[in-house]
């Protein structure tokens, strides 16, 4: 694989290129919709093999992106999202193989019943068609999104961020190799060949009706643009303003371990905790050990008045801190009077992504689950388990925070719709 340079295109060229991609994707989608489970499985295994065989080339391409990002003064948390290494490539490969072994959703019967007229009705899974995925920073989304769309019988048009251009192109070449090996159309997974932002605009217009749904995966600016301009349905992946609440019955060591992992395992992922709430009744026993462990790990604490008084080095939180997705080693910390106060704070400030409670009280956990309206709720575990791979989906395109069609990790099943099959014996309606 040769290094790919960012190609320049005129406005007319961008429009023509994108419309042609849409036409080719629609043709490929019609083939994928009826492709056998065996052929899709073969393609995914071939892609995994290609990723392994070309790992050195992928890392070389990623090094170009990393060098350019450092030269541009990009933040450490962004670099973490952009970086590929042996472990992350292995993760892509393992995710690909996991997706390959998932049951094929296409054609499965979701429900069936008979009605008084004698008709037999089935609701059966079908592909969505053509999915446009617009993402930033994370090159591995190229593999995850392509694989999930393929497994669900959809064609995909991928547009990655300019900062990861070389990395995404190198990964995409492996996807194409796998498609060819399984005799599936190369246009089933296409990568937008330009970094021109006008290409995004064309995707949001729907490419002459050839895109059925858009999935944005990136910062608030990208998602806001997509939601504002899209003329096709959107699976929104909003900010991950995730909360961790330490209830009054929480075991100290468990709470400390979960808080450290939720915030510091990877600060740049959407499942990283951004606000820590602690019940006031355990402030004397839990607040200092947890905050000091976080500070020792390199985390900046921004706390309310009590936290600032008790924790050396903590900075006073301002109103904006309770509504900020830092994606960095910064954590807002607040004491709350009760479980109900914690729930009220979360409902007021959450982006409805992921919230976690640490408690030994089953009733408290049940109340937390019942009263908080977020896509993912966690009891006695890290918020960083908010991930399709950890859910057994192999990978995800993103965490959908809306309520229509898909919510939480968007995996294979979430990339399907359904149709009704109605069988009769000559009935006519009176």
Foldseek 3Di string as FASTA:
>chain_A
DDFDDFDDDDPVRLLVVLLVLLVLQQVLLVVLQPDDLVLLLQLLLQLLVLLVVCVVVLQVLLVVLLVVCVVVVHDPLLSVQQHDDPVVSVLLSQLSNLLSPDDQQFFDWPDWDADPLGKIKTKGWTFLEEEEEEEERHLSLLSQVLSQCSSLSYAYEYEYAPSNLRNNVSSLVSSLSSCVVSVRDSSSYHYSRHNPCVSVLCVLAPSVVSHAEYEYYYAQVVQVVSVVRHPHHYLGFYAQQEEEEEAPAFDQVLVLVQLCCLCPVRLQDRLRHAEYEYEPNCCVPHLAVNVVVLVVSPAAEAEDPVSPVPYPRHHHDDPCSLQDSPSDRYHYYYYDHHLVRVQVSCQVRGLQAEYEYGHPDPVSLVCSVVRHRHLYYYYSHHSVCQFCVSVSQSGASHARGDDPQDHGGHGNSSSIDIDMDMDDDDDDDD
